[in-house]
């Protein structure tokens, strides 16, 4: 099984939705094995705090005309990622 994680980080930029759609479309069309797509919500915060969702082709339908990113973004300071927070994360 092939598992792919999608994460958009650092702020919105043009064509993030189109890029994600293109990746998913290409992988689903060309993979010889079963594929699972996971989207991490709000950039690296989703990765750190376990905020993700399993996605299907339907999640990427009709997103070319939407601005921003369907997953959201955040500006997480990488320099502080090695310092645990009060909750242990």
N, C-alpha and C. Protein backbone atom coordinates (compact mmCIF):
# COMPACT_ATOMS: atom_id res chain seq x y z
N UNK A 1 0.84 -1.18 0.00
CA UNK A 1 0.00 0.00 0.00
C UNK A 1 0.88 1.24 0.00
N UNK A 2 0.47 2.22 -0.77
CA UNK A 2 1.17 3.50 -0.87
C UNK A 2 0.39 4.53 -0.08
N UNK A 3 1.06 5.21 0.84
CA UNK A 3 0.42 6.28 1.62
C UNK A 3 1.14 7.58 1.35
N UNK A 4 0.35 8.60 1.04
CA UNK A 4 0.91 9.91 0.72
C UNK A 4 0.32 10.94 1.67
N UNK A 5 1.18 11.78 2.24
CA UNK A 5 0.74 12.87 3.09
C UNK A 5 0.93 14.20 2.38
N UNK A 6 -0.10 15.02 2.38
CA UNK A 6 -0.03 16.35 1.78
C UNK A 6 -0.05 17.39 2.90
N UNK A 7 0.85 18.37 2.80
CA UNK A 7 0.97 19.41 3.80
C UNK A 7 1.31 20.70 3.09
N UNK A 8 0.55 21.76 3.33
CA UNK A 8 0.86 23.07 2.77
C UNK A 8 1.21 23.98 3.93
N UNK A 9 2.36 24.63 3.83
CA UNK A 9 2.85 25.38 4.98
C UNK A 9 3.43 26.73 4.57
N UNK A 10 3.44 27.66 5.50
CA UNK A 10 4.14 28.91 5.33
C UNK A 10 3.33 30.04 4.75
N UNK A 11 2.07 29.83 4.51
CA UNK A 11 1.24 30.89 3.93
C UNK A 11 0.74 30.49 2.56
N UNK A 12 -0.33 31.12 2.19
CA UNK A 12 -0.95 30.79 0.90
C UNK A 12 -0.09 31.28 -0.26
N UNK A 13 -0.13 30.53 -1.33
CA UNK A 13 0.49 30.95 -2.58
C UNK A 13 -0.35 30.40 -3.72
N UNK A 14 -0.16 30.92 -4.89
CA UNK A 14 -0.97 30.50 -6.02
C UNK A 14 -0.73 29.03 -6.34
N UNK A 15 -1.79 28.39 -6.76
CA UNK A 15 -1.76 27.04 -7.33
C UNK A 15 -1.51 25.90 -6.34
N UNK A 16 -1.66 26.13 -5.04
CA UNK A 16 -1.50 25.00 -4.11
C UNK A 16 -2.58 23.95 -4.33
N UNK A 17 -3.82 24.38 -4.50
CA UNK A 17 -4.89 23.42 -4.75
C UNK A 17 -4.65 22.66 -6.05
N UNK A 18 -4.25 23.38 -7.09
CA UNK A 18 -3.99 22.74 -8.38
C UNK A 18 -2.83 21.76 -8.28
N UNK A 19 -1.81 22.11 -7.52
CA UNK A 19 -0.66 21.22 -7.34
C UNK A 19 -1.07 19.95 -6.62
N UNK A 20 -1.81 20.10 -5.53
CA UNK A 20 -2.27 18.91 -4.80
C UNK A 20 -3.14 18.03 -5.68
N UNK A 21 -4.05 18.65 -6.41
CA UNK A 21 -4.93 17.91 -7.31
C UNK A 21 -4.12 17.14 -8.35
N UNK A 22 -3.11 17.79 -8.91
CA UNK A 22 -2.27 17.15 -9.91
C UNK A 22 -1.50 15.96 -9.36
N UNK A 23 -0.99 16.11 -8.15
CA UNK A 23 -0.27 15.01 -7.50
C UNK A 23 -1.20 13.82 -7.29
N UNK A 24 -2.36 14.10 -6.71
CA UNK A 24 -3.32 13.03 -6.40
C UNK A 24 -3.80 12.35 -7.68
N UNK A 25 -4.14 13.14 -8.67
CA UNK A 25 -4.63 12.59 -9.94
C UNK A 25 -3.57 11.69 -10.59
N UNK A 26 -2.33 12.15 -10.61
CA UNK A 26 -1.24 11.39 -11.21
C UNK A 26 -0.98 10.09 -10.47
N UNK A 27 -0.93 10.16 -9.15
CA UNK A 27 -0.66 8.96 -8.35
C UNK A 27 -1.80 7.96 -8.48
N UNK A 28 -3.03 8.42 -8.36
CA UNK A 28 -4.16 7.50 -8.45
C UNK A 28 -4.26 6.86 -9.84
N UNK A 29 -3.91 7.60 -10.84
CA UNK A 29 -4.00 7.09 -12.21
C UNK A 29 -2.88 6.08 -12.51
N UNK A 30 -1.70 6.29 -11.96
CA UNK A 30 -0.53 5.50 -12.35
C UNK A 30 -0.08 4.44 -11.35
N UNK A 31 -0.60 4.45 -10.15
CA UNK A 31 -0.15 3.50 -9.14
C UNK A 31 -0.68 2.10 -9.43
N UNK A 32 0.16 1.13 -9.26
CA UNK A 32 -0.22 -0.27 -9.42
C UNK A 32 -0.78 -0.85 -8.12
N UNK A 33 -0.63 -0.12 -7.05
CA UNK A 33 -1.10 -0.60 -5.75
C UNK A 33 -2.13 0.36 -5.16
N UNK A 34 -2.77 -0.06 -4.10
CA UNK A 34 -3.77 0.77 -3.43
C UNK A 34 -3.09 2.01 -2.85
N UNK A 35 -3.78 3.14 -2.92
CA UNK A 35 -3.22 4.41 -2.46
C UNK A 35 -4.13 5.03 -1.41
N UNK A 36 -3.54 5.52 -0.33
CA UNK A 36 -4.25 6.31 0.67
C UNK A 36 -3.62 7.70 0.70
N UNK A 37 -4.48 8.72 0.67
CA UNK A 37 -4.03 10.11 0.70
C UNK A 37 -4.46 10.71 2.04
N UNK A 38 -3.52 11.33 2.74
CA UNK A 38 -3.81 12.00 4.01
C UNK A 38 -3.45 13.48 3.87
N UNK A 39 -4.33 14.33 4.35
CA UNK A 39 -4.09 15.76 4.33
C UNK A 39 -3.87 16.27 5.74
N UNK A 40 -2.74 16.92 5.96
CA UNK A 40 -2.43 17.51 7.26
C UNK A 40 -2.99 18.93 7.27
N UNK A 41 -3.82 19.22 8.25
CA UNK A 41 -4.52 20.50 8.30
C UNK A 41 -3.67 21.57 8.98
N UNK A 42 -3.70 22.75 8.41
CA UNK A 42 -3.00 23.92 8.95
C UNK A 42 -1.49 23.73 9.03
N UNK A 43 -0.92 23.24 7.97
CA UNK A 43 0.53 23.13 7.86
C UNK A 43 1.16 22.19 8.87
N UNK A 44 2.33 22.59 9.37
CA UNK A 44 3.05 21.73 10.31
C UNK A 44 2.32 21.57 11.64
N UNK A 45 1.40 22.46 11.96
CA UNK A 45 0.61 22.27 13.19
C UNK A 45 -0.20 20.98 13.09
N UNK A 46 -0.72 20.68 11.92
CA UNK A 46 -1.45 19.43 11.74
C UNK A 46 -0.57 18.22 11.93
N UNK A 47 0.67 18.31 11.47
CA UNK A 47 1.62 17.22 11.64
C UNK A 47 2.00 17.05 13.11
N UNK A 48 2.26 18.15 13.78
CA UNK A 48 2.68 18.12 15.18
C UNK A 48 1.55 17.64 16.10
N UNK A 49 0.35 18.15 15.88
CA UNK A 49 -0.76 17.85 16.78
C UNK A 49 -1.67 16.74 16.27
N UNK A 50 -1.30 16.08 15.21
CA UNK A 50 -2.07 14.94 14.71
C UNK A 50 -3.41 15.33 14.09
N UNK A 51 -3.47 16.51 13.49
CA UNK A 51 -4.71 16.93 12.82
C UNK A 51 -4.59 16.63 11.34
N UNK A 52 -5.10 15.48 10.98
CA UNK A 52 -5.07 15.07 9.58
C UNK A 52 -6.35 14.33 9.26
N UNK A 53 -6.59 14.16 7.96
CA UNK A 53 -7.77 13.42 7.55
C UNK A 53 -7.45 12.62 6.30
N UNK A 54 -8.09 11.48 6.23
CA UNK A 54 -7.96 10.65 5.03
C UNK A 54 -8.80 11.31 3.95
N UNK A 55 -8.23 11.42 2.76
CA UNK A 55 -8.90 12.13 1.68
C UNK A 55 -9.16 11.18 0.51
N UNK A 56 -10.12 11.55 -0.29
CA UNK A 56 -10.45 10.77 -1.48
C UNK A 56 -10.41 11.70 -2.69
N UNK A 57 -10.58 11.13 -3.87
CA UNK A 57 -10.58 11.94 -5.08
C UNK A 57 -11.64 13.02 -5.00
N UNK A 58 -12.77 12.74 -4.38
CA UNK A 58 -13.86 13.72 -4.28
C UNK A 58 -13.42 14.99 -3.56
N UNK A 59 -12.48 14.89 -2.63
CA UNK A 59 -11.98 16.07 -1.92
C UNK A 59 -11.24 17.04 -2.85
N UNK A 60 -10.77 16.55 -3.99
CA UNK A 60 -9.98 17.36 -4.91
C UNK A 60 -10.78 17.79 -6.13
N UNK A 61 -12.02 17.40 -6.18
CA UNK A 61 -12.88 17.77 -7.30
C UNK A 61 -13.39 19.20 -7.11
N UNK A 62 -13.26 20.02 -8.14
CA UNK A 62 -13.78 21.38 -8.10
C UNK A 62 -12.94 22.38 -7.32
N UNK A 63 -11.69 22.03 -6.99
CA UNK A 63 -10.87 22.95 -6.17
C UNK A 63 -10.00 23.88 -6.99
N UNK A 64 -9.96 23.70 -8.31
CA UNK A 64 -9.09 24.53 -9.13
C UNK A 64 -9.46 26.01 -9.08
N UNK A 65 -10.72 26.30 -8.86
CA UNK A 65 -11.16 27.70 -8.86
C UNK A 65 -11.18 28.31 -7.46
N UNK A 66 -10.85 27.51 -6.45
CA UNK A 66 -10.82 28.01 -5.07
C UNK A 66 -9.46 28.61 -4.77
N UNK A 67 -9.46 29.73 -4.07
CA UNK A 67 -8.20 30.35 -3.65
C UNK A 67 -7.66 29.69 -2.40
N UNK A 68 -6.43 30.01 -2.08
CA UNK A 68 -5.82 29.47 -0.87
C UNK A 68 -5.52 28.00 -1.01
N UNK A 69 -5.72 27.26 0.06
CA UNK A 69 -5.49 25.82 0.06
C UNK A 69 -6.60 25.15 0.85
N UNK A 70 -7.08 24.04 0.38
CA UNK A 70 -8.15 23.34 1.08
C UNK A 70 -7.68 22.76 2.41
N UNK A 71 -6.38 22.66 2.62
CA UNK A 71 -5.85 22.12 3.86
C UNK A 71 -5.51 23.19 4.89
N UNK A 72 -5.35 24.42 4.46
CA UNK A 72 -4.96 25.48 5.37
C UNK A 72 -3.45 25.52 5.55
N UNK A 73 -2.97 26.61 6.12
CA UNK A 73 -1.54 26.78 6.35
C UNK A 73 -1.34 27.39 7.73
N UNK A 74 -0.10 27.39 8.17
CA UNK A 74 0.26 28.09 9.41
C UNK A 74 1.74 28.41 9.34
N UNK A 75 2.12 29.37 10.09
CA UNK A 75 3.54 29.71 10.17
C UNK A 75 4.07 29.19 11.50
N UNK A 76 4.63 28.01 11.45
CA UNK A 76 5.19 27.38 12.65
C UNK A 76 6.69 27.62 12.65
N UNK A 77 7.22 28.24 13.70
CA UNK A 77 8.66 28.54 13.74
C UNK A 77 9.49 27.27 13.93
N UNK A 78 10.22 26.89 12.88
CA UNK A 78 10.99 25.65 12.92
C UNK A 78 12.07 25.67 13.99
N UNK A 79 12.60 26.84 14.30
CA UNK A 79 13.67 26.92 15.30
C UNK A 79 13.18 26.49 16.67
N UNK A 80 11.88 26.56 16.90
CA UNK A 80 11.34 26.19 18.22
C UNK A 80 10.78 24.77 18.25
N UNK A 81 10.85 24.04 17.15
CA UNK A 81 10.26 22.71 17.11
C UNK A 81 10.99 21.72 18.02
N UNK A 82 12.25 21.96 18.35
CA UNK A 82 12.97 21.04 19.21
C UNK A 82 12.76 21.36 20.70
N UNK A 83 11.98 22.38 21.02
CA UNK A 83 11.67 22.74 22.40
C UNK A 83 10.28 22.28 22.76
N UNK A 84 10.16 21.31 23.68
CA UNK A 84 8.83 20.82 24.05
C UNK A 84 7.97 21.90 24.71
N UNK A 85 6.69 21.86 24.42
CA UNK A 85 5.74 22.78 25.04
C UNK A 85 5.33 22.21 26.39
N UNK A 86 4.52 22.96 27.12
CA UNK A 86 4.07 22.53 28.44
C UNK A 86 3.30 21.21 28.40
N UNK A 87 2.58 20.96 27.28
CA UNK A 87 1.80 19.73 27.17
C UNK A 87 2.62 18.56 26.64
N UNK A 88 3.93 18.77 26.45
CA UNK A 88 4.82 17.68 26.02
C UNK A 88 4.99 17.56 24.52
N UNK A 89 4.25 18.35 23.76
CA UNK A 89 4.37 18.26 22.30
C UNK A 89 5.63 18.96 21.86
